[in-house]
Structure formats: C-alpha cells, structure tokens
Amino acid sequence: MKHVPYLFFSHATHKDYHGAGDTADRIDYARRAEKAATSADPRIKNSEGGSFDAATGRKVFANSHGFVGEYKRSYCSVSAVPIAEDENGNMQRDYWFAVSRTLSKLESPEEVGRIAAERTLRRIGARKVKTQKVPIVFDPRVSRSLVGHLIGAIVGPAIARGTSFLKDKLGERIFPQAITIIDDPHRRRGLRSKPFDGEGIANRRRAIIENGVLTTWLLDLRSARQLGLKTTGHASRGTSSPPSPSPTNLWLEPGAVTQQALIGDIAKGFYVNELMGMGVNGVTGDYSRGAAGFWIENGELAYPVSEVTIAGNLKEMYQHLTAADDLEFKTGNDAPTLRVDGMMLAGS
C-alpha cells in the first residue's frame, strides 16, 4: 500500500465520559491522595503534591483509499509523592499512582496515598554497597522498562537504518523459552486500545516474543517499504508529525513463581524499584543506569540502598531473565517482577 494523502483529527476534552466530575472534584481527589500520604506517619514532613487528571478524546482518520474510521478514548489517574525525613535530616521520596479508563475502576486516592507513604518510609536509612556482580531483581514499576528497550530495538526505522542491537535476530530465540511478550490493540479497557493504526491499517494481537523467539518487527508503511515487507499495523501518529511505529497494549506474560520465590534463593543481590538516567545504547545493547532499591540478603529484603549503578548488556540480560507471576495491568506497557542474573552493581 503506497503513501496516500490523509485527514487526521484528534480532539481531547477534560470532561470524562465516565463521571470524573468538575474541577472541584478533581482538586478534591488530588488533596485526598496527598493527605493520605502525609498523614500516614510523622516522619513524612513534606510532599511534592498529589495529582488527579482525566480526559477523553475522539480520533477520526480518513484517507484517499476510501477508509474512514474513528474511536474514542478516556483515562483518569491519581498520584501522590510524599517526602520523609529521618532523625538526622536525611530525606527520601517515593511515589505511587493509579490509572484507569474509567473512574469507577480507579483505586481510591486514600489507597494511592497510603501505598506512596509506605514506599517512601521503606527508603529511610538508605546505604551504599560495594561494587560486585549479583542477581538484579526489577520491581514491576521498573521492569516494564526492559520491555520498552526491546521495542526500541525492533521498530522498523531502527532495523532499516541498521542501528539496532537486534537487527539480525528476527526468528531467533533472544529470551528463555518461558518468556512471551504480547501486543494487543484490542484488549478490553486497555489504555492504548484502538481498532486500527495511525494509517488506517487493521491491527491485531501479536506475540512479539513467543516462547523466547523474536517473531516480528514493528512496522508502519514507510519502514515496511524500506525493508521490503508488509506493515504490521503499528503506525502511530499525532496531529503534527508523520506516523512512526509503536506498540499498543504491551505486556510480558507472567511466570510460574511468586515474587518471594524469585528472590528466595538469592544469597546476595539487589532489588531495584527506581531507575535514573538513560544509559542504554540501542546500537550495542550496552545498559547502565542509576538505581535505588533494597539489598537482598539470604532471600529477604534487608535494607534500602541508593546511589548505585547497575550495568550489563541487554542481549545477555534478556537471555538470563526470569519472570514472577505478579503481572498487573497499569500503564499500557506492563511486566511482572523480573530477575536478571549476573549483572554488575557499581557502588562504593
């Protein structure tokens, strides 16, 4: 299918079709989340605030081949970011959030604030650790980033330019056999669900990784032409830029063990719940990011850790990846707790 003229219309409002309420209601949601966080413990002395957001949108697409289609989307979200202080004046922060297509399915602001406070208080007394090679366990809040790095390496433009560390891996096993990664644009109540892509092409559920094997690139019409292939229906666009390929509702399928079992046999290791920086080389797969979390000692979370760096190479990391069974759908790019053995932890 050749490139053709198109008309694309996108409209967003802040009136939630599903009852998010007026401005006063939204402010109340944000204040409730912040209050729940700051009142949870006297060590929480400040906050970066609570927030609430909700919107709906309608997208209409038409092209000169006679295709006309439209769909609506909606979302609402609430978050809290408390700051705790220990007896020596050292401060720690963390956050929690909830997001949903409808207000009726959204976690309460009180629950979001409570979890944000709990996560912040756990970080008080953070230490440094020595540089060493250990298993790294990624909390679900950050494990999705490993799936995101995979997507960056298999989109059509990167493959066409030859600038991906996976450019010659199509059809090969790049994960353990137990790993499957799904992209499903038709997932019910999915945050990124849509009936067609940004070029009016029919889309469908795909196993991007199936039993560890890379099965497809993510292509729009332009990158498909460059590679001599057919589009996979992954074009995405806004109102001011040309289309480019991107996933829809993306997730790594849960494994067969609990999070505790995943950690339980680790004598010494690191549990990551925050990542900083963007130290990932898409050409080589080299991976290096600042991190904070908890030291694992004899299968248990022993104490908080901060100011460290974790490093490896994504090709090797993917080969040594194990998934827990705790997948939750929260963002549109989701993964359970993940363990990667043999990574370098750079500390003091």
Protein backbone atom coordinates (compact mmCIF):
# COMPACT_ATOMS: atom_id res chain seq x y z
CA MET A 1 0.00 0.00 0.00
CA LYS A 2 1.58 3.28 -1.09
CA HIS A 3 1.65 6.50 0.89
CA VAL A 4 -1.54 8.48 0.32
CA PRO A 5 -2.98 11.81 1.48
CA TYR A 6 -4.85 11.59 4.74
CA LEU A 7 -7.04 13.53 7.10
CA PHE A 8 -6.44 13.02 10.80
CA PHE A 9 -8.50 14.68 13.50
CA SER A 10 -7.89 14.41 17.24
CA HIS A 11 -9.96 16.08 19.90
CA ALA A 12 -9.44 15.89 23.66
CA THR A 13 -11.50 17.37 26.45
CA HIS A 14 -11.36 17.31 30.23
CA LYS A 15 -14.93 16.11 30.59
CA ASP A 16 -14.74 12.42 31.45
CA TYR A 17 -17.48 10.42 29.74
CA HIS A 18 -17.39 8.15 32.76
CA GLY A 19 -18.01 10.70 35.50
CA ALA A 20 -14.69 12.17 36.63
CA GLY A 21 -16.53 15.27 37.80
CA ASP A 22 -15.85 19.01 37.65
CA THR A 23 -12.73 20.95 38.64
CA ALA A 24 -13.61 20.98 42.34
CA ASP A 25 -13.96 17.18 42.32
CA ARG A 26 -10.57 16.79 40.65
CA ILE A 27 -8.88 19.05 43.19
CA ASP A 28 -10.51 17.05 45.96
CA TYR A 29 -9.11 13.80 44.55
CA ALA A 30 -5.59 15.26 44.48
CA ARG A 31 -5.87 16.65 48.01
CA ARG A 32 -7.19 13.34 49.37
CA ALA A 33 -4.25 11.46 47.87
CA GLU A 34 -1.74 13.92 49.34
CA LYS A 35 -3.45 13.97 52.74
CA ALA A 36 -3.47 10.17 52.95
CA ALA A 37 0.26 10.14 52.23
CA THR A 38 1.34 12.96 54.55
CA SER A 39 -0.81 11.82 57.50
CA ALA A 40 0.42 8.22 57.40
CA ASP A 41 3.49 8.78 59.61
CA PRO A 42 5.08 11.75 61.44
CA ARG A 43 8.32 11.16 59.55
CA ILE A 44 6.56 12.30 56.38
CA LYS A 45 7.04 16.03 56.75
CA ASN A 46 6.52 17.27 53.21
CA SER A 47 5.21 16.37 49.80
CA GLU A 48 5.68 17.12 46.14
CA GLY A 49 1.89 17.03 45.98
CA GLY A 50 -0.99 14.90 44.90
CA SER A 51 -2.42 14.98 41.40
CA PHE A 52 -5.53 13.97 39.53
CA ASP A 53 -6.07 14.05 35.80
CA ALA A 54 -8.86 12.90 33.50
CA ALA A 55 -9.61 13.39 29.84
CA THR A 56 -11.43 11.94 26.88
CA GLY A 57 -10.53 12.06 23.21
CA ARG A 58 -12.02 11.24 19.83
CA LYS A 59 -9.87 10.36 16.84
CA VAL A 60 -11.08 10.33 13.24
CA PHE A 61 -8.95 9.10 10.34
CA ALA A 62 -9.68 9.16 6.59
CA ASN A 63 -7.53 8.59 3.51
CA SER A 64 -7.94 8.69 -0.28
CA HIS A 65 -8.38 4.91 -0.47
CA GLY A 66 -11.84 5.45 0.98
CA PHE A 67 -11.07 4.45 4.54
CA VAL A 68 -12.85 6.40 7.28
CA GLY A 69 -12.71 5.34 10.91
CA GLU A 70 -12.99 6.78 14.38
CA TYR A 71 -12.74 5.78 18.03
CA LYS A 72 -12.92 7.35 21.48
CA ARG A 73 -10.52 7.06 24.38
CA SER A 74 -10.65 8.08 28.03
CA TYR A 75 -8.48 7.90 31.11
CA CYS A 76 -8.19 9.15 34.66
CA SER A 77 -5.26 8.99 37.07
CA VAL A 78 -4.33 9.88 40.64
CA SER A 79 -0.90 10.03 42.29
CA ALA A 80 0.97 11.12 45.42
CA VAL A 81 4.66 11.93 46.06
CA PRO A 82 5.45 12.18 49.80
CA ILE A 83 8.83 13.14 51.29
CA ALA A 84 10.07 11.55 54.51
CA GLU A 85 12.85 12.74 56.84
CA ASP A 86 14.86 10.73 59.36
CA GLU A 87 16.23 11.92 62.71
CA ASN A 88 19.41 13.19 61.01
CA GLY A 89 17.54 15.32 58.49
CA ASN A 90 18.15 12.98 55.56
CA MET A 91 15.22 12.98 53.15
CA GLN A 92 13.77 10.31 50.91
CA ARG A 93 10.93 10.43 48.41
CA ASP A 94 8.90 7.90 46.51
CA TYR A 95 5.53 7.82 44.78
CA TRP A 96 2.57 5.74 43.78
CA PHE A 97 -0.13 6.17 41.17
CA ALA A 98 -3.21 4.57 39.70
CA VAL A 99 -4.65 4.96 36.20
CA SER A 100 -7.79 3.60 34.57
CA ARG A 101 -10.07 4.10 31.59
CA THR A 102 -12.98 4.90 33.96
CA LEU A 103 -13.34 6.48 37.36
CA SER A 104 -15.28 3.50 38.71
CA LYS A 105 -12.24 1.25 38.18
CA LEU A 106 -9.70 3.70 39.64
CA GLU A 107 -8.08 2.95 43.01
CA SER A 108 -9.16 5.39 45.70
CA PRO A 109 -6.89 8.38 46.40
CA GLU A 110 -6.61 7.17 50.00
CA GLU A 111 -5.19 3.83 48.86
CA VAL A 112 -2.76 5.54 46.47
CA GLY A 113 -1.59 7.89 49.23
CA ARG A 114 -1.17 5.01 51.69
CA ILE A 115 0.99 3.00 49.29
CA ALA A 116 3.05 6.08 48.37
CA ALA A 117 3.75 6.69 52.07
CA GLU A 118 4.65 3.06 52.67
CA ARG A 119 7.09 3.02 49.77
CA THR A 120 8.68 6.30 50.92
CA LEU A 121 9.14 5.19 54.53
CA ARG A 122 10.85 1.99 53.39
CA ARG A 123 13.63 4.09 51.86
CA ILE A 124 14.67 5.81 55.09
CA GLY A 125 18.20 4.86 56.11
CA ALA A 126 19.41 4.02 52.60
CA ARG A 127 23.02 2.83 52.38
CA LYS A 128 25.64 2.27 49.73
CA VAL A 129 27.01 -1.16 48.87
CA LYS A 130 30.27 -2.37 47.39
CA THR A 131 30.79 -2.97 43.69
CA GLN A 132 30.05 -6.60 42.84
CA LYS A 133 28.33 -8.94 40.38
CA VAL A 134 24.95 -10.09 41.71
CA PRO A 135 21.43 -11.06 40.61
CA ILE A 136 19.27 -8.00 40.00
CA VAL A 137 15.51 -8.13 40.63
CA PHE A 138 13.35 -5.48 38.96
CA ASP A 139 10.17 -4.32 40.73
CA PRO A 140 7.14 -4.26 38.36
CA ARG A 141 7.22 -0.47 38.44
CA VAL A 142 10.60 -0.52 36.65
CA SER A 143 10.63 -3.95 34.98
CA ARG A 144 8.47 -2.59 32.15
CA SER A 145 11.47 -0.52 31.05
CA LEU A 146 13.21 -3.71 29.92
CA VAL A 147 10.28 -4.37 27.59
CA GLY A 148 10.49 -0.77 26.39
CA HIS A 149 14.14 -1.21 25.44
CA LEU A 150 13.15 -4.27 23.41
CA ILE A 151 10.58 -2.24 21.47
CA GLY A 152 13.14 0.45 20.71
CA ALA A 153 15.32 -2.25 19.14
CA ILE A 154 12.64 -3.83 16.91
CA VAL A 155 10.81 -0.84 15.42
CA GLY A 156 11.14 -0.62 11.64
CA PRO A 157 13.18 2.61 11.36
CA ALA A 158 15.94 1.22 13.64
CA ILE A 159 16.06 -2.02 11.63
CA ALA A 160 16.07 -0.17 8.28
CA ARG A 161 18.95 2.04 9.44
CA GLY A 162 20.83 -0.92 10.89
CA THR A 163 21.10 0.84 14.25
CA SER A 164 19.66 -1.90 16.47
CA PHE A 165 21.48 -4.50 18.55
CA LEU A 166 18.76 -6.94 17.41
CA LYS A 167 18.93 -6.15 13.68
CA ASP A 168 19.88 -9.74 12.73
CA LYS A 169 17.84 -11.59 15.37
CA LEU A 170 14.42 -11.99 13.72
CA GLY A 171 13.24 -15.58 14.13
CA GLU A 172 15.87 -16.35 16.77
CA ARG A 173 15.47 -17.08 20.48
CA ILE A 174 16.60 -13.99 22.39
CA PHE A 175 14.82 -14.78 25.69
CA PRO A 176 14.42 -18.02 27.65
CA GLN A 177 11.67 -20.28 26.31
CA ALA A 178 9.34 -19.34 29.19
CA ILE A 179 9.14 -15.69 28.08
CA THR A 180 6.30 -14.41 25.87
CA ILE A 181 5.58 -10.72 25.18
CA ILE A 182 2.17 -9.70 23.81
CA ASP A 183 0.98 -6.60 21.95
CA ASP A 184 -2.81 -6.40 21.80
CA PRO A 185 -4.57 -3.30 20.39
CA HIS A 186 -7.99 -4.84 21.11
CA ARG A 187 -7.57 -5.53 24.84
CA ARG A 188 -10.79 -4.65 26.65
CA ARG A 189 -10.35 -1.41 28.60
CA GLY A 190 -6.71 -1.28 27.56
CA LEU A 191 -5.22 2.19 27.94
CA ARG A 192 -3.86 2.06 24.36
CA SER A 193 -6.64 0.08 22.68
CA LYS A 194 -7.68 1.12 19.17
CA PRO A 195 -9.40 -0.60 16.23
CA PHE A 196 -6.87 0.46 13.57
CA ASP A 197 -3.45 2.05 13.41
CA GLY A 198 -2.41 5.60 12.50
CA GLU A 199 -2.53 4.81 8.77
CA GLY A 200 -5.94 3.16 8.77
CA ILE A 201 -4.49 -0.36 8.73
CA ALA A 202 -6.27 -3.15 10.59
CA ASN A 203 -4.34 -4.20 13.69
CA ARG A 204 -4.40 -7.40 15.73
CA ARG A 205 -2.99 -9.15 18.75
CA ARG A 206 0.57 -10.42 18.23
CA ALA A 207 3.08 -12.35 20.28
CA ILE A 208 6.15 -10.20 19.61
CA ILE A 209 8.20 -12.67 21.63
CA GLU A 210 6.79 -16.20 21.59
CA ASN A 211 8.46 -18.86 23.72
CA GLY A 212 11.57 -16.69 23.73
CA VAL A 213 11.66 -16.19 19.94
CA LEU A 214 11.53 -12.77 18.27
CA THR A 215 8.67 -13.17 15.77
CA THR A 216 8.25 -9.75 14.14
CA TRP A 217 9.44 -6.20 13.68
CA LEU A 218 7.02 -3.35 14.46
CA LEU A 219 6.33 -1.66 11.11
CA ASP A 220 4.41 1.20 9.59
CA LEU A 221 4.01 1.64 5.82
CA ARG A 222 7.23 3.60 5.31
CA SER A 223 9.54 1.30 7.27
CA ALA A 224 7.84 -1.75 5.72
CA ARG A 225 8.62 -0.42 2.24
CA GLN A 226 12.23 0.21 3.24
CA LEU A 227 12.57 -3.39 4.38
CA GLY A 228 10.57 -4.93 1.54
CA LEU A 229 7.94 -6.20 3.98
CA LYS A 230 4.29 -5.54 4.80
CA THR A 231 3.18 -3.21 7.55
CA THR A 232 2.28 -4.87 10.84
CA GLY A 233 -0.34 -2.21 11.62
CA HIS A 234 1.75 -0.43 14.24
CA ALA A 235 1.72 3.11 12.84
CA SER A 236 1.10 5.77 15.46
CA ARG A 237 0.75 9.50 14.91
CA GLY A 238 -0.31 12.75 16.43
CA THR A 239 -1.69 15.78 14.64
CA SER A 240 1.66 17.47 13.87
CA SER A 241 4.06 14.71 12.82
CA PRO A 242 4.25 11.83 10.35
CA PRO A 243 3.45 8.31 11.54
CA SER A 244 6.01 6.03 13.14
CA PRO A 245 5.67 2.50 14.53
CA SER A 246 4.91 1.93 18.21
CA PRO A 247 3.18 -0.75 20.29
CA THR A 248 -0.31 -0.62 21.78
CA ASN A 249 -1.20 -2.57 24.94
CA LEU A 250 2.09 -4.32 25.63
CA TRP A 251 2.91 -6.82 28.35
CA LEU A 252 5.31 -9.57 29.33
CA GLU A 253 3.34 -12.66 30.32
CA PRO A 254 3.61 -13.71 33.99
CA GLY A 255 5.85 -16.57 35.00
CA ALA A 256 5.16 -19.57 37.21
CA VAL A 257 6.78 -18.48 40.50
CA THR A 258 5.88 -15.91 43.13
CA GLN A 259 7.95 -12.81 43.72
CA GLN A 260 9.14 -14.27 47.01
CA ALA A 261 10.23 -17.49 45.31
CA LEU A 262 12.04 -15.46 42.66
CA ILE A 263 14.06 -13.76 45.41
CA GLY A 264 14.18 -16.62 47.88
CA ASP A 265 17.35 -18.37 46.68
CA ILE A 266 19.44 -15.19 46.33
CA ALA A 267 22.19 -15.08 48.97
CA LYS A 268 23.25 -11.55 47.95
CA GLY A 269 21.52 -9.40 45.38
CA PHE A 270 19.77 -6.14 44.62
CA TYR A 271 16.05 -5.38 44.31
CA VAL A 272 15.52 -2.29 42.11
CA ASN A 273 12.45 -0.10 42.49
CA GLU A 274 13.74 3.12 40.91
CA LEU A 275 15.89 3.76 37.85
CA MET A 276 17.57 7.02 36.87
CA GLY A 277 19.22 8.22 33.67
CA MET A 278 19.00 6.89 30.14
CA GLY A 279 22.28 4.98 29.79
CA VAL A 280 21.14 2.49 27.14
CA ASN A 281 22.94 2.15 23.80
CA GLY A 282 20.43 0.99 21.19
CA VAL A 283 23.17 0.02 18.74
CA THR A 284 25.22 -2.23 21.03
CA GLY A 285 22.70 -3.07 23.75
CA ASP A 286 25.02 -1.79 26.48
CA TYR A 287 23.00 -0.95 29.58
CA SER A 288 23.98 1.26 32.52
CA ARG A 289 21.51 3.09 34.76
CA GLY A 290 21.48 4.70 38.17
CA ALA A 291 19.31 2.80 40.62
CA ALA A 292 17.85 2.67 44.11
CA GLY A 293 16.11 -0.14 45.93
CA PHE A 294 16.86 -2.78 48.56
CA TRP A 295 19.71 -5.14 49.31
CA ILE A 296 18.75 -8.80 49.23
CA GLU A 297 20.33 -10.94 51.95
CA ASN A 298 19.56 -14.66 52.22
CA GLY A 299 16.38 -14.35 50.20
CA GLU A 300 14.96 -11.34 52.07
CA LEU A 301 14.92 -7.57 51.54
CA ALA A 302 17.41 -6.46 54.18
CA TYR A 303 17.82 -2.65 53.95
CA PRO A 304 17.38 0.24 51.48
CA VAL A 305 20.16 1.09 49.03
CA SER A 306 20.74 4.25 47.00
CA GLU A 307 23.35 5.88 44.75
CA VAL A 308 24.36 2.77 42.82
CA THR A 309 24.56 1.86 39.14
CA ILE A 310 23.51 -1.40 37.51
CA ALA A 311 25.16 -2.44 34.25
CA GLY A 312 25.14 -5.18 31.64
CA ASN A 313 24.22 -5.79 28.02
CA LEU A 314 20.60 -6.22 27.01
CA LYS A 315 21.34 -9.22 24.77
CA GLU A 316 22.81 -11.08 27.75
CA MET A 317 20.22 -9.70 30.19
CA TYR A 318 17.35 -10.96 28.05
CA GLN A 319 18.95 -14.43 27.87
CA HIS A 320 19.08 -14.65 31.68
CA LEU A 321 15.66 -13.23 32.50
CA THR A 322 13.08 -14.91 34.75
CA ALA A 323 9.54 -13.62 35.36
CA ALA A 324 7.40 -13.84 38.51
CA ASP A 325 3.64 -14.37 38.47
CA ASP A 326 2.60 -10.88 39.69
CA LEU A 327 1.69 -9.10 36.44
CA GLU A 328 -0.75 -6.20 36.87
CA PHE A 329 -2.07 -4.03 34.04
CA LYS A 330 -1.37 -0.42 35.00
CA THR A 331 0.18 1.63 32.20
CA GLY A 332 -0.21 0.01 28.77
CA ASN A 333 3.38 -1.30 28.99
CA ASP A 334 3.45 -3.79 31.84
CA ALA A 335 5.60 -6.58 33.21
CA PRO A 336 5.78 -8.66 36.40
CA THR A 337 8.75 -8.73 38.75
CA LEU A 338 11.78 -9.75 36.69
CA ARG A 339 15.10 -11.27 37.73
CA VAL A 340 18.32 -10.99 35.74
CA ASP A 341 21.31 -12.97 36.96
CA GLY A 342 24.92 -11.91 36.56
CA MET A 343 24.63 -8.12 36.32
CA MET A 344 27.24 -5.69 37.63
CA LEU A 345 26.31 -3.49 40.57
CA ALA A 346 28.63 -0.46 40.90
CA GLY A 347 28.62 1.09 44.36
CA SER A 348 31.25 2.37 46.77
